[in-house]
Amino acid sequence: MSQMTTDPDSGATFDDDVVLLSVPADGGYLGVLRTATATLAARLQFALDEIEDLRIAVDEACAMLLVVATPGAELECRFSVTDDALLVEVEVPTVRGARLPAESSFAWKVLTALTSSASAEVEGGRATIRLITRRTGIG
């Protein structure tokens, strides 16, 4: 699927391949998302350490969302692939009054250390975390 996506925080535009995955919001299914993350990052020729960092970041983002997901929810993951970056958006419907960890939390420090940019929002009964990782080892 080819589609244009604009990251609201960075203004970056992603208009190449888009991969959509939906899995039950259960920790037992996160391996599917980690594998998809690694496969797409490898397609972009990310270095091995960049691939592992991104896998950890996606896992951490999903773990943050599982805590606020409604029972029986689906965890939706959208990967937007460009020539040099991967945008990962993970989203779940949330329980009433849901809040994600503060940006000063350890979980957010992990996300920002392992990606080029990380952002989140809880709006309209849904929580979304966006991660952008740009390839550094070009060549």
N, C-alpha and C. Protein backbone atom coordinates (compact mmCIF):
# COMPACT_ATOMS: atom_id res chain seq x y z
N MET A 1 0.85 -1.16 0.00
CA MET A 1 0.00 0.00 0.00
C MET A 1 0.90 1.23 0.00
N SER A 2 0.63 2.18 -0.86
CA SER A 2 1.39 3.42 -0.90
C SER A 2 0.48 4.54 -0.44
N GLN A 3 1.01 5.37 0.45
CA GLN A 3 0.19 6.39 1.06
C GLN A 3 1.07 7.48 1.62
N MET A 4 0.53 8.70 1.77
CA MET A 4 1.31 9.80 2.34
C MET A 4 0.92 9.99 3.80
N THR A 5 1.92 10.12 4.66
CA THR A 5 1.72 10.36 6.08
C THR A 5 2.60 11.53 6.49
N THR A 6 2.05 12.46 7.26
CA THR A 6 2.83 13.56 7.79
C THR A 6 2.86 13.44 9.30
N ASP A 7 4.06 13.44 9.88
CA ASP A 7 4.18 13.40 11.33
C ASP A 7 3.86 14.78 11.87
N PRO A 8 2.84 14.90 12.75
CA PRO A 8 2.43 16.22 13.24
C PRO A 8 3.48 16.92 14.10
N ASP A 9 4.36 16.18 14.73
CA ASP A 9 5.34 16.80 15.61
C ASP A 9 6.57 17.30 14.86
N SER A 10 7.07 16.49 13.92
CA SER A 10 8.28 16.88 13.22
C SER A 10 8.00 17.50 11.86
N GLY A 11 6.78 17.31 11.34
CA GLY A 11 6.45 17.80 10.02
C GLY A 11 7.01 16.93 8.91
N ALA A 12 7.67 15.83 9.26
CA ALA A 12 8.25 14.93 8.26
C ALA A 12 7.13 14.26 7.46
N THR A 13 7.35 14.12 6.17
CA THR A 13 6.37 13.49 5.29
C THR A 13 6.88 12.14 4.85
N PHE A 14 6.03 11.13 4.97
CA PHE A 14 6.34 9.77 4.57
C PHE A 14 5.33 9.38 3.51
N ASP A 15 5.77 9.20 2.25
CA ASP A 15 4.82 8.86 1.20
C ASP A 15 5.22 7.64 0.41
N ASP A 16 5.84 6.71 1.07
CA ASP A 16 6.23 5.47 0.40
C ASP A 16 5.35 4.33 0.90
N ASP A 17 5.95 3.19 1.11
CA ASP A 17 5.20 2.00 1.49
C ASP A 17 4.64 2.11 2.90
N VAL A 18 3.43 1.58 3.07
CA VAL A 18 2.79 1.53 4.38
C VAL A 18 2.38 0.09 4.65
N VAL A 19 2.74 -0.41 5.83
CA VAL A 19 2.37 -1.75 6.25
C VAL A 19 1.51 -1.60 7.50
N LEU A 20 0.34 -2.22 7.48
CA LEU A 20 -0.58 -2.17 8.62
C LEU A 20 -0.69 -3.55 9.24
N LEU A 21 -0.51 -3.62 10.56
CA LEU A 21 -0.67 -4.87 11.29
C LEU A 21 -1.60 -4.63 12.47
N SER A 22 -2.46 -5.57 12.72
CA SER A 22 -3.35 -5.49 13.87
C SER A 22 -3.26 -6.83 14.60
N VAL A 23 -2.95 -6.75 15.89
CA VAL A 23 -2.84 -7.96 16.71
C VAL A 23 -3.61 -7.72 18.01
N PRO A 24 -4.02 -8.80 18.67
CA PRO A 24 -4.67 -8.61 19.97
C PRO A 24 -3.76 -7.84 20.92
N ALA A 25 -4.35 -6.97 21.73
CA ALA A 25 -3.58 -6.18 22.69
C ALA A 25 -3.20 -7.07 23.87
N ASP A 26 -2.25 -7.93 23.61
CA ASP A 26 -1.79 -8.91 24.58
C ASP A 26 -0.29 -9.08 24.36
N GLY A 27 0.47 -9.10 25.43
CA GLY A 27 1.91 -9.20 25.34
C GLY A 27 2.41 -10.40 24.55
N GLY A 28 1.63 -11.45 24.48
CA GLY A 28 2.01 -12.63 23.73
C GLY A 28 2.13 -12.41 22.23
N TYR A 29 1.55 -11.33 21.73
CA TYR A 29 1.58 -11.05 20.29
C TYR A 29 2.63 -10.00 19.90
N LEU A 30 3.36 -9.46 20.86
CA LEU A 30 4.32 -8.41 20.55
C LEU A 30 5.48 -8.91 19.70
N GLY A 31 5.77 -10.19 19.76
CA GLY A 31 6.83 -10.76 18.93
C GLY A 31 6.55 -10.56 17.44
N VAL A 32 5.28 -10.58 17.05
CA VAL A 32 4.91 -10.34 15.65
C VAL A 32 5.33 -8.93 15.24
N LEU A 33 5.07 -7.96 16.11
CA LEU A 33 5.42 -6.57 15.80
C LEU A 33 6.93 -6.36 15.83
N ARG A 34 7.63 -7.01 16.76
CA ARG A 34 9.09 -6.90 16.80
C ARG A 34 9.71 -7.46 15.53
N THR A 35 9.18 -8.60 15.07
CA THR A 35 9.70 -9.21 13.85
C THR A 35 9.44 -8.33 12.63
N ALA A 36 8.23 -7.79 12.53
CA ALA A 36 7.91 -6.89 11.42
C ALA A 36 8.81 -5.65 11.45
N THR A 37 9.04 -5.12 12.63
CA THR A 37 9.93 -3.96 12.78
C THR A 37 11.32 -4.28 12.27
N ALA A 38 11.87 -5.39 12.69
CA ALA A 38 13.23 -5.78 12.28
C ALA A 38 13.30 -6.01 10.78
N THR A 39 12.28 -6.64 10.22
CA THR A 39 12.27 -6.92 8.79
C THR A 39 12.24 -5.64 7.97
N LEU A 40 11.38 -4.70 8.36
CA LEU A 40 11.29 -3.44 7.62
C LEU A 40 12.55 -2.60 7.79
N ALA A 41 13.12 -2.59 8.98
CA ALA A 41 14.36 -1.84 9.20
C ALA A 41 15.50 -2.45 8.39
N ALA A 42 15.53 -3.77 8.29
CA ALA A 42 16.56 -4.43 7.49
C ALA A 42 16.38 -4.07 6.01
N ARG A 43 15.14 -3.95 5.58
CA ARG A 43 14.87 -3.54 4.19
C ARG A 43 15.46 -2.17 3.90
N LEU A 44 15.49 -1.32 4.91
CA LEU A 44 16.07 0.02 4.77
C LEU A 44 17.58 -0.01 4.96
N GLN A 45 18.14 -1.17 5.18
CA GLN A 45 19.56 -1.36 5.40
C GLN A 45 20.05 -0.63 6.65
N PHE A 46 19.23 -0.64 7.69
CA PHE A 46 19.67 -0.12 8.98
C PHE A 46 20.79 -1.02 9.48
N ALA A 47 21.69 -0.46 10.26
CA ALA A 47 22.75 -1.25 10.89
C ALA A 47 22.09 -2.19 11.92
N LEU A 48 22.77 -3.28 12.25
CA LEU A 48 22.22 -4.25 13.20
C LEU A 48 21.86 -3.62 14.53
N ASP A 49 22.71 -2.72 15.05
CA ASP A 49 22.40 -2.09 16.33
C ASP A 49 21.20 -1.15 16.21
N GLU A 50 21.01 -0.52 15.06
CA GLU A 50 19.84 0.34 14.84
C GLU A 50 18.56 -0.50 14.80
N ILE A 51 18.65 -1.67 14.18
CA ILE A 51 17.50 -2.57 14.12
C ILE A 51 17.11 -3.02 15.53
N GLU A 52 18.10 -3.41 16.31
CA GLU A 52 17.81 -3.86 17.68
C GLU A 52 17.24 -2.72 18.53
N ASP A 53 17.80 -1.52 18.39
CA ASP A 53 17.27 -0.36 19.13
C ASP A 53 15.81 -0.11 18.77
N LEU A 54 15.49 -0.21 17.49
CA LEU A 54 14.11 0.03 17.06
C LEU A 54 13.18 -1.06 17.55
N ARG A 55 13.63 -2.29 17.54
CA ARG A 55 12.82 -3.40 18.10
C ARG A 55 12.50 -3.15 19.57
N ILE A 56 13.51 -2.72 20.32
CA ILE A 56 13.31 -2.44 21.75
C ILE A 56 12.33 -1.27 21.92
N ALA A 57 12.48 -0.24 21.11
CA ALA A 57 11.61 0.94 21.21
C ALA A 57 10.15 0.57 20.90
N VAL A 58 9.94 -0.22 19.86
CA VAL A 58 8.57 -0.63 19.51
C VAL A 58 8.00 -1.49 20.63
N ASP A 59 8.79 -2.38 21.18
CA ASP A 59 8.35 -3.21 22.29
C ASP A 59 7.96 -2.35 23.50
N GLU A 60 8.78 -1.37 23.82
CA GLU A 60 8.50 -0.47 24.95
C GLU A 60 7.23 0.34 24.71
N ALA A 61 7.07 0.86 23.49
CA ALA A 61 5.86 1.64 23.16
C ALA A 61 4.61 0.77 23.30
N CYS A 62 4.69 -0.45 22.79
CA CYS A 62 3.55 -1.36 22.90
C CYS A 62 3.24 -1.70 24.35
N ALA A 63 4.27 -1.92 25.14
CA ALA A 63 4.06 -2.22 26.57
C ALA A 63 3.35 -1.06 27.27
N MET A 64 3.72 0.17 26.91
CA MET A 64 3.06 1.34 27.49
C MET A 64 1.58 1.37 27.11
N LEU A 65 1.27 0.98 25.88
CA LEU A 65 -0.11 1.00 25.41
C LEU A 65 -0.95 -0.14 25.98
N LEU A 66 -0.33 -1.29 26.18
CA LEU A 66 -1.08 -2.43 26.72
C LEU A 66 -1.68 -2.11 28.09
N VAL A 67 -0.99 -1.30 28.86
CA VAL A 67 -1.45 -0.95 30.21
C VAL A 67 -2.76 -0.17 30.17
N VAL A 68 -2.98 0.62 29.12
CA VAL A 68 -4.16 1.49 29.04
C VAL A 68 -5.21 0.97 28.06
N ALA A 69 -4.96 -0.18 27.41
CA ALA A 69 -5.87 -0.72 26.41
C ALA A 69 -7.15 -1.27 27.04
N THR A 70 -8.24 -1.13 26.32
CA THR A 70 -9.50 -1.72 26.78
C THR A 70 -9.41 -3.24 26.67
N PRO A 71 -10.13 -3.96 27.52
CA PRO A 71 -10.11 -5.42 27.44
C PRO A 71 -10.56 -5.90 26.05
N GLY A 72 -9.85 -6.86 25.50
CA GLY A 72 -10.20 -7.41 24.20
C GLY A 72 -9.85 -6.53 23.01
N ALA A 73 -9.07 -5.47 23.25
CA ALA A 73 -8.74 -4.51 22.19
C ALA A 73 -7.74 -5.09 21.19
N GLU A 74 -7.66 -4.43 20.06
CA GLU A 74 -6.65 -4.72 19.04
C GLU A 74 -5.57 -3.65 19.11
N LEU A 75 -4.33 -4.05 19.01
CA LEU A 75 -3.19 -3.15 18.94
C LEU A 75 -2.90 -2.96 17.46
N GLU A 76 -3.04 -1.73 16.98
CA GLU A 76 -2.85 -1.45 15.56
C GLU A 76 -1.48 -0.80 15.37
N CYS A 77 -0.73 -1.33 14.43
CA CYS A 77 0.61 -0.82 14.18
C CYS A 77 0.72 -0.49 12.70
N ARG A 78 1.16 0.73 12.43
CA ARG A 78 1.31 1.22 11.07
C ARG A 78 2.78 1.58 10.84
N PHE A 79 3.39 0.94 9.87
CA PHE A 79 4.77 1.21 9.52
C PHE A 79 4.78 1.97 8.20
N SER A 80 5.37 3.16 8.18
CA SER A 80 5.53 3.93 6.95
C SER A 80 7.02 3.94 6.61
N VAL A 81 7.34 3.42 5.44
CA VAL A 81 8.72 3.22 5.03
C VAL A 81 9.11 4.23 3.96
N THR A 82 10.25 4.90 4.14
CA THR A 82 10.81 5.79 3.12
C THR A 82 12.20 5.28 2.78
N ASP A 83 12.92 6.04 1.97
CA ASP A 83 14.27 5.63 1.59
C ASP A 83 15.23 5.58 2.77
N ASP A 84 15.02 6.44 3.78
CA ASP A 84 15.99 6.52 4.87
C ASP A 84 15.38 6.56 6.27
N ALA A 85 14.08 6.29 6.38
CA ALA A 85 13.46 6.37 7.70
C ALA A 85 12.29 5.39 7.81
N LEU A 86 11.96 5.09 9.04
CA LEU A 86 10.81 4.24 9.34
C LEU A 86 9.98 4.95 10.41
N LEU A 87 8.72 5.21 10.09
CA LEU A 87 7.78 5.79 11.03
C LEU A 87 6.91 4.65 11.53
N VAL A 88 6.85 4.47 12.84
CA VAL A 88 6.02 3.43 13.44
C VAL A 88 4.99 4.13 14.31
N GLU A 89 3.71 3.88 14.01
CA GLU A 89 2.61 4.42 14.82
C GLU A 89 1.86 3.24 15.41
N VAL A 90 1.78 3.20 16.75
CA VAL A 90 1.10 2.13 17.44
C VAL A 90 -0.07 2.75 18.19
N GLU A 91 -1.25 2.11 18.09
CA GLU A 91 -2.47 2.71 18.63
C GLU A 91 -3.38 1.65 19.22
N VAL A 92 -4.07 2.02 20.31
CA VAL A 92 -5.08 1.15 20.93
C VAL A 92 -6.24 2.00 21.43
N PRO A 93 -7.44 1.39 21.49
CA PRO A 93 -8.52 2.05 22.21
C PRO A 93 -8.20 1.97 23.70
N THR A 94 -8.53 3.02 24.45
CA THR A 94 -8.13 3.08 25.85
C THR A 94 -9.30 3.01 26.82
N VAL A 95 -8.97 2.61 28.02
CA VAL A 95 -9.94 2.66 29.10
C VAL A 95 -10.17 4.13 29.45
N ARG A 96 -11.29 4.39 30.07
CA ARG A 96 -11.64 5.77 30.44
C ARG A 96 -10.59 6.36 31.39
N GLY A 97 -10.18 7.60 31.12
CA GLY A 97 -9.21 8.29 31.97
C GLY A 97 -7.78 7.82 31.79
N ALA A 98 -7.52 7.11 30.71
CA ALA A 98 -6.17 6.56 30.48
C ALA A 98 -5.14 7.67 30.31
N ARG A 99 -3.96 7.41 30.86
CA ARG A 99 -2.81 8.31 30.71
C ARG A 99 -1.58 7.49 30.44
N LEU A 100 -0.77 8.00 29.54
CA LEU A 100 0.51 7.36 29.27
C LEU A 100 1.54 7.90 30.25
N PRO A 101 2.65 7.20 30.43
CA PRO A 101 3.69 7.70 31.34
C PRO A 101 4.16 9.10 30.92
N ALA A 102 4.57 9.89 31.90
CA ALA A 102 5.07 11.25 31.64
C ALA A 102 6.33 11.19 30.80
N GLU A 103 6.58 12.27 30.05
CA GLU A 103 7.78 12.32 29.21
C GLU A 103 9.07 12.29 30.03
N SER A 104 8.97 12.52 31.32
CA SER A 104 10.15 12.45 32.18
C SER A 104 10.38 11.03 32.73
N SER A 105 9.49 10.10 32.40
CA SER A 105 9.59 8.73 32.91
C SER A 105 10.72 7.96 32.24
N PHE A 106 11.12 6.88 32.86
CA PHE A 106 12.16 6.02 32.30
C PHE A 106 11.74 5.48 30.94
N ALA A 107 10.48 5.09 30.81
CA ALA A 107 10.00 4.53 29.54
C ALA A 107 10.19 5.53 28.40
N TRP A 108 9.91 6.79 28.64
CA TRP A 108 10.08 7.81 27.60
C TRP A 108 11.55 8.08 27.33
N LYS A 109 12.37 8.01 28.34
CA LYS A 109 13.81 8.18 28.13
C LYS A 109 14.34 7.07 27.22
N VAL A 110 13.82 5.86 27.40
CA VAL A 110 14.20 4.74 26.54
C VAL A 110 13.79 5.04 25.09
N LEU A 111 12.53 5.45 24.90
CA LEU A 111 12.04 5.72 23.54
C LEU A 111 12.83 6.81 22.84
N THR A 112 13.12 7.89 23.55
CA THR A 112 13.83 9.00 22.92
C THR A 112 15.31 8.68 22.70
N ALA A 113 15.86 7.80 23.52
CA ALA A 113 17.26 7.42 23.32
C ALA A 113 17.43 6.46 22.14
N LEU A 114 16.41 5.67 21.85
CA LEU A 114 16.52 4.63 20.84
C LEU A 114 15.97 5.01 19.47
N THR A 115 15.33 6.18 19.36
CA THR A 115 14.74 6.60 18.10
C THR A 115 15.16 8.03 17.78
N SER A 116 14.90 8.45 16.55
CA SER A 116 15.17 9.84 16.16
C SER A 116 14.16 10.78 16.79
N SER A 117 12.93 10.32 16.96
CA SER A 117 11.90 11.12 17.61
C SER A 117 10.78 10.22 18.10
N ALA A 118 10.16 10.63 19.20
CA ALA A 118 9.04 9.89 19.79
C ALA A 118 8.00 10.88 20.28
N SER A 119 6.73 10.56 20.04
CA SER A 119 5.65 11.41 20.53
C SER A 119 4.45 10.54 20.85
N ALA A 120 3.51 11.10 21.61
CA ALA A 120 2.32 10.35 21.98
C ALA A 120 1.14 11.28 22.17
N GLU A 121 -0.04 10.69 22.05
CA GLU A 121 -1.26 11.43 22.35
C GLU A 121 -2.33 10.46 22.80
N VAL A 122 -3.19 10.95 23.67
CA VAL A 122 -4.38 10.21 24.07
C VAL A 122 -5.54 11.14 23.75
N GLU A 123 -6.37 10.71 22.80
CA GLU A 123 -7.45 11.57 22.34
C GLU A 123 -8.59 10.72 21.79
N GLY A 124 -9.81 11.11 22.11
CA GLY A 124 -10.97 10.42 21.56
C GLY A 124 -11.04 8.94 21.91
N GLY A 125 -10.59 8.59 23.10
CA GLY A 125 -10.65 7.19 23.51
C GLY A 125 -9.60 6.29 22.89
N ARG A 126 -8.55 6.91 22.30
CA ARG A 126 -7.46 6.14 21.69
C ARG A 126 -6.13 6.74 22.11
N ALA A 127 -5.15 5.87 22.29
CA ALA A 127 -3.78 6.32 22.60
C ALA A 127 -2.89 5.92 21.44
N THR A 128 -2.03 6.85 21.02
CA THR A 128 -1.13 6.61 19.90
C THR A 128 0.28 7.01 20.30
N ILE A 129 1.25 6.17 19.96
CA ILE A 129 2.66 6.50 20.12
C ILE A 129 3.29 6.44 18.73
N ARG A 130 4.03 7.51 18.38
CA ARG A 130 4.71 7.59 17.08
C ARG A 130 6.22 7.59 17.30
N LEU A 131 6.89 6.74 16.56
CA LEU A 131 8.35 6.65 16.62
C LEU A 131 8.90 6.85 15.22
N ILE A 132 9.90 7.70 15.09
CA ILE A 132 10.59 7.85 13.82
C ILE A 132 12.05 7.49 14.04
N THR A 133 12.55 6.64 13.18
CA THR A 133 13.97 6.30 13.21
C THR A 133 14.54 6.51 11.82
N ARG A 134 15.57 7.33 11.77
CA ARG A 134 16.26 7.61 10.52
C ARG A 134 17.52 6.77 10.47
N ARG A 135 17.83 6.27 9.32
CA ARG A 135 19.03 5.46 9.13
C ARG A 135 20.25 6.37 9.24
N THR A 136 21.22 5.97 10.06
CA THR A 136 22.44 6.78 10.22
C THR A 136 23.59 6.22 9.42
N GLY A 137 23.63 4.92 9.22
CA GLY A 137 24.75 4.29 8.51
C GLY A 137 24.51 4.23 7.03
N ILE A 138 24.44 5.39 6.37
CA ILE A 138 24.16 5.42 4.94
C ILE A 138 25.44 5.09 4.17
N GLY A 139 25.27 4.17 3.19
CA GLY A 139 26.42 3.85 2.35
C GLY A 139 26.69 2.40 2.23
